[in-house]
Each structure stands twice: as C-alpha cells, then as structure tokens.
C-alpha atoms as a PDB file:
ATOM      1  CA  UNK A   1      19.949 151.803 126.330  1.00  0.00           C
ATOM      2  CA  UNK A   2      18.603 148.341 125.420  1.00  0.00           C
ATOM      3  CA  UNK A   3      19.485 149.505 121.545  1.00  0.00           C
ATOM      4  CA  UNK A   4      22.986 150.473 122.391  1.00  0.00           C
ATOM      5  CA  UNK A   5      23.582 146.785 124.698  1.00  0.00           C
ATOM      6  CA  UNK A   6      22.122 144.757 121.842  1.00  0.00           C
ATOM      7  CA  UNK A   7      24.678 146.599 119.488  1.00  0.00           C
ATOM      8  CA  UNK A   8      27.582 145.894 121.617  1.00  0.00           C
ATOM      9  CA  UNK A   9      26.433 142.583 122.200  1.00  0.00           C
ATOM     10  CA  UNK A  10      26.050 141.436 118.419  1.00  0.00           C
ATOM     11  CA  UNK A  11      29.321 142.911 117.724  1.00  0.00           C
ATOM     12  CA  UNK A  12      31.455 141.035 120.012  1.00  0.00           C
ATOM     13  CA  UNK A  13      29.404 137.922 118.798  1.00  0.00           C
ATOM     14  CA  UNK A  14      30.600 138.648 115.395  1.00  0.00           C
ATOM     15  CA  UNK A  15      34.328 137.051 115.514  1.00  0.00           C
ATOM     16  CA  UNK A  16      32.607 133.969 116.956  1.00  0.00           C
ATOM     17  CA  UNK A  17      29.951 133.966 113.999  1.00  0.00           C
ATOM     18  CA  UNK A  18      32.253 134.596 111.697  1.00  0.00           C
ATOM     19  CA  UNK A  19      34.852 131.534 113.092  1.00  0.00           C
ATOM     20  CA  UNK A  20      31.785 129.494 112.987  1.00  0.00           C
ATOM     21  CA  UNK A  21      30.740 129.874 109.654  1.00  0.00           C
ATOM     22  CA  UNK A  22      34.376 129.662 108.361  1.00  0.00           C
ATOM     23  CA  UNK A  23      34.742 126.376 109.885  1.00  0.00           C
ATOM     24  CA  UNK A  24      31.640 125.741 107.654  1.00  0.00           C
ATOM     25  CA  UNK A  25      33.615 125.363 104.630  1.00  0.00           C
ATOM     26  CA  UNK A  26      32.005 124.027 101.568  1.00  0.00           C
ATOM     27  CA  UNK A  27      34.003 121.211 100.334  1.00  0.00           C
ATOM     28  CA  UNK A  28      33.142 121.487  96.653  1.00  0.00           C
ATOM     29  CA  UNK A  29      34.240 124.772  96.505  1.00  0.00           C
ATOM     30  CA  UNK A  30      37.104 123.982  98.292  1.00  0.00           C
ATOM     31  CA  UNK A  31      37.675 121.147  95.573  1.00  0.00           C
ATOM     32  CA  UNK A  32      37.784 124.101  92.532  1.00  0.00           C
ATOM     33  CA  UNK A  33      40.453 126.379  95.077  1.00  0.00           C
ATOM     34  CA  UNK A  34      42.149 123.656  95.288  1.00  0.00           C
ATOM     35  CA  UNK A  35      43.470 123.561  91.432  1.00  0.00           C
ATOM     36  CA  UNK A  36      46.041 125.990  93.038  1.00  0.00           C
ATOM     37  CA  UNK A  37      47.617 123.783  95.095  1.00  0.00           C
ATOM     38  CA  UNK A  38      47.761 120.490  92.157  1.00  0.00           C
ATOM     39  CA  UNK A  39      51.090 121.633  90.749  1.00  0.00           C
ATOM     40  CA  UNK A  40      52.496 120.822  93.632  1.00  0.00           C
ATOM     41  CA  UNK A  41      50.299 118.257  95.861  1.00  0.00           C
ATOM     42  CA  UNK A  42      48.211 114.530  95.046  1.00  0.00           C
ATOM     43  CA  UNK A  43      45.626 114.841  96.593  1.00  0.00           C
ATOM     44  CA  UNK A  44      43.892 111.543  94.981  1.00  0.00           C
ATOM     45  CA  UNK A  45      46.809 109.333  95.673  1.00  0.00           C
ATOM     46  CA  UNK A  46      49.687 109.045  98.184  1.00  0.00           C
ATOM     47  CA  UNK A  47      53.077 109.859  95.402  1.00  0.00           C
ATOM     48  CA  UNK A  48      54.459 113.519  96.397  1.00  0.00           C
ATOM     49  CA  UNK A  49      55.081 115.616  93.815  1.00  0.00           C
ATOM     50  CA  UNK A  50      57.313 119.018  94.675  1.00  0.00           C
ATOM     51  CA  UNK A  51      55.300 119.183  97.821  1.00  0.00           C
ATOM     52  CA  UNK A  52      54.162 116.320 100.165  1.00  0.00           C
ATOM     53  CA  UNK A  53      50.836 114.675  98.909  1.00  0.00           C
ATOM     54  CA  UNK A  54      47.490 115.592 101.020  1.00  0.00           C
ATOM     55  CA  UNK A  55      45.571 112.251 100.970  1.00  0.00           C
ATOM     56  CA  UNK A  56      44.844 112.323 104.758  1.00  0.00           C
ATOM     57  CA  UNK A  57      46.658 115.598 105.884  1.00  0.00           C
ATOM     58  CA  UNK A  58      43.580 116.551 107.945  1.00  0.00           C
ATOM     59  CA  UNK A  59      44.634 115.627 111.455  1.00  0.00           C
ATOM     60  CA  UNK A  60      48.102 114.634 110.767  1.00  0.00           C
ATOM     61  CA  UNK A  61      51.196 115.709 112.439  1.00  0.00           C
ATOM     62  CA  UNK A  62      53.530 118.190 110.421  1.00  0.00           C
ATOM     63  CA  UNK A  63      56.228 116.425 108.496  1.00  0.00           C
ATOM     64  CA  UNK A  64      55.401 113.033 108.465  1.00  0.00           C
ATOM     65  CA  UNK A  65      54.706 111.930 105.185  1.00  0.00           C
ATOM     66  CA  UNK A  66      57.522 109.565 104.384  1.00  0.00           C
ATOM     67  CA  UNK A  67      59.586 109.981 101.838  1.00  0.00           C
ATOM     68  CA  UNK A  68      59.422 113.922 101.377  1.00  0.00           C
ATOM     69  CA  UNK A  69      62.222 115.969 101.940  1.00  0.00           C
ATOM     70  CA  UNK A  70      61.204 118.610 104.335  1.00  0.00           C
ATOM     71  CA  UNK A  71      62.400 121.813 105.278  1.00  0.00           C
ATOM     72  CA  UNK A  72      64.435 122.421 108.980  1.00  0.00           C
ATOM     73  CA  UNK A  73      61.907 124.823 109.751  1.00  0.00           C
ATOM     74  CA  UNK A  74      58.927 122.283 109.328  1.00  0.00           C
ATOM     75  CA  UNK A  75      60.848 119.751 110.627  1.00  0.00           C
ATOM     76  CA  UNK A  76      61.240 121.734 113.844  1.00  0.00           C
ATOM     77  CA  UNK A  77      57.715 123.055 113.722  1.00  0.00           C
ATOM     78  CA  UNK A  78      56.740 118.831 113.538  1.00  0.00           C
ATOM     79  CA  UNK A  79      59.038 118.535 116.713  1.00  0.00           C
ATOM     80  CA  UNK A  80      56.875 120.773 118.649  1.00  0.00           C
ATOM     81  CA  UNK A  81      53.981 119.009 117.832  1.00  0.00           C
ATOM     82  CA  UNK A  82      52.242 120.623 115.097  1.00  0.00           C
ATOM     83  CA  UNK A  83      48.965 119.003 113.866  1.00  0.00           C
ATOM     84  CA  UNK A  84      47.218 119.612 110.725  1.00  0.00           C
ATOM     85  CA  UNK A  85      43.482 120.777 112.392  1.00  0.00           C
ATOM     86  CA  UNK A  86      41.148 123.168 111.236  1.00  0.00           C
ATOM     87  CA  UNK A  87      43.101 126.577 112.780  1.00  0.00           C
ATOM     88  CA  UNK A  88      46.657 125.576 111.993  1.00  0.00           C
ATOM     89  CA  UNK A  89      45.789 124.540 108.391  1.00  0.00           C
ATOM     90  CA  UNK A  90      44.326 128.195 108.218  1.00  0.00           C
ATOM     91  CA  UNK A  91      46.938 129.397 109.524  1.00  0.00           C
ATOM     92  CA  UNK A  92      49.134 128.143 107.063  1.00  0.00           C
ATOM     93  CA  UNK A  93      46.963 128.316 104.052  1.00  0.00           C
ATOM     94  CA  UNK A  94      47.084 132.282 104.687  1.00  0.00           C
ATOM     95  CA  UNK A  95      50.429 132.816 104.788  1.00  0.00           C
ATOM     96  CA  UNK A  96      52.827 129.636 104.559  1.00  0.00           C
ATOM     97  CA  UNK A  97      56.019 131.576 104.780  1.00  0.00           C
ATOM     98  CA  UNK A  98      54.735 133.318 108.038  1.00  0.00           C
ATOM     99  CA  UNK A  99      53.112 130.887 109.643  1.00  0.00           C
ATOM    100  CA  UNK A 100      56.811 128.656 109.541  1.00  0.00           C
ATOM    101  CA  UNK A 101      59.343 130.679 108.576  1.00  0.00           C
ATOM    102  CA  UNK A 102      62.128 129.252 106.258  1.00  0.00           C
ATOM    103  CA  UNK A 103      59.322 126.306 105.056  1.00  0.00           C
ATOM    104  CA  UNK A 104      60.212 125.376 101.506  1.00  0.00           C
ATOM    105  CA  UNK A 105      56.453 126.741  99.800  1.00  0.00           C
ATOM    106  CA  UNK A 106      56.662 128.945  97.415  1.00  0.00           C
ATOM    107  CA  UNK A 107      53.051 129.374  97.418  1.00  0.00           C
ATOM    108  CA  UNK A 108      52.081 132.894  98.251  1.00  0.00           C
ATOM    109  CA  UNK A 109      48.859 131.946 100.185  1.00  0.00           C
ATOM    110  CA  UNK A 110      44.860 132.029 100.239  1.00  0.00           C
ATOM    111  CA  UNK A 111      43.948 135.499 101.267  1.00  0.00           C
ATOM    112  CA  UNK A 112      40.018 134.882 101.507  1.00  0.00           C
ATOM    113  CA  UNK A 113      39.074 133.624 104.785  1.00  0.00           C
ATOM    114  CA  UNK A 114      36.168 131.654 103.065  1.00  0.00           C
ATOM    115  CA  UNK A 115      38.801 130.261 100.004  1.00  0.00           C
ATOM    116  CA  UNK A 116      40.541 128.728 103.115  1.00  0.00           C
ATOM    117  CA  UNK A 117      37.925 127.455 105.030  1.00  0.00           C
ATOM    118  CA  UNK A 118      36.496 125.584 101.480  1.00  0.00           C
ATOM    119  CA  UNK A 119      39.791 123.541 101.227  1.00  0.00           C
ATOM    120  CA  UNK A 120      40.107 122.996 104.758  1.00  0.00           C
ATOM    121  CA  UNK A 121      36.901 121.291 104.244  1.00  0.00           C
ATOM    122  CA  UNK A 122      37.876 119.336 100.948  1.00  0.00           C
ATOM    123  CA  UNK A 123      41.203 118.357 102.433  1.00  0.00           C
ATOM    124  CA  UNK A 124      38.838 116.574 105.411  1.00  0.00           C
ATOM    125  CA  UNK A 125      37.082 114.718 102.798  1.00  0.00           C
ATOM    126  CA  UNK A 126      40.464 113.530 102.020  1.00  0.00           C
ATOM    127  CA  UNK A 127      41.036 111.635 105.367  1.00  0.00           C
ATOM    128  CA  UNK A 128      42.072 107.682 104.910  1.00  0.00           C
END
C-alpha cells in the first residue's frame, strides 16, 4: 500500500518537476538555439528585421515595438493584455500560428520543451 501511495505521489509531482525544469533553461544553450531566429529577429540591437527586435522582449507587452507593422491578430492579442512572460513565450514558441492564429510569423515553432526553455532563458538575458 505504501509503495502504491509513493508511486501515485511521484506521478502527481512529475508535471510540477517538469515545469520547474523547463523554467530553469540554460541561456547559453538558448543562444545556440536562437540561431534559428536570427534570420528574422535582432537580439543585440533595437532594429527591426522581418520580425521585431527582441531586445527587452521578456516582460514586454505584445505588439509594443514602435515602427514594426504587426498583424491584426497580434494587435488584438496585445489589446487583450498579452505580455511576453515564460508561459506565453513557451506557448508561442511551440506553435506561433496556433497560439495566435493569423499572426505573421512563418516559423513553425520549437517542438522540444528544452529548446523553448533555453531560448526563453536566453531572451531573459536581453532585458534592457
């Protein structure tokens, strides 16, 4: 009985441990994964490319970079109060078109949770 209870408790705790591990991404690994993003986004200067620059993106309200022409879908999410925090970045980076249907980002997403956690950790280092 004790063994079954311990197993049940461990299984119940897995999502929490998994979420905590995901939150603890590695910024150096994230910088390497970010290479996939560099074609469209600057990470080292406030200049837009095909996508908006990502300096200071963590904690920023969506669609807030001046001079960038956001899709109506992204503007609508911004009007709803979307802020780029860990949870929202994770969902967006996993599948941008599913998280915000109609947005302009053509990137298919980062399917591996550890890649997303690492990129998010890297984006946190780009704060102003």
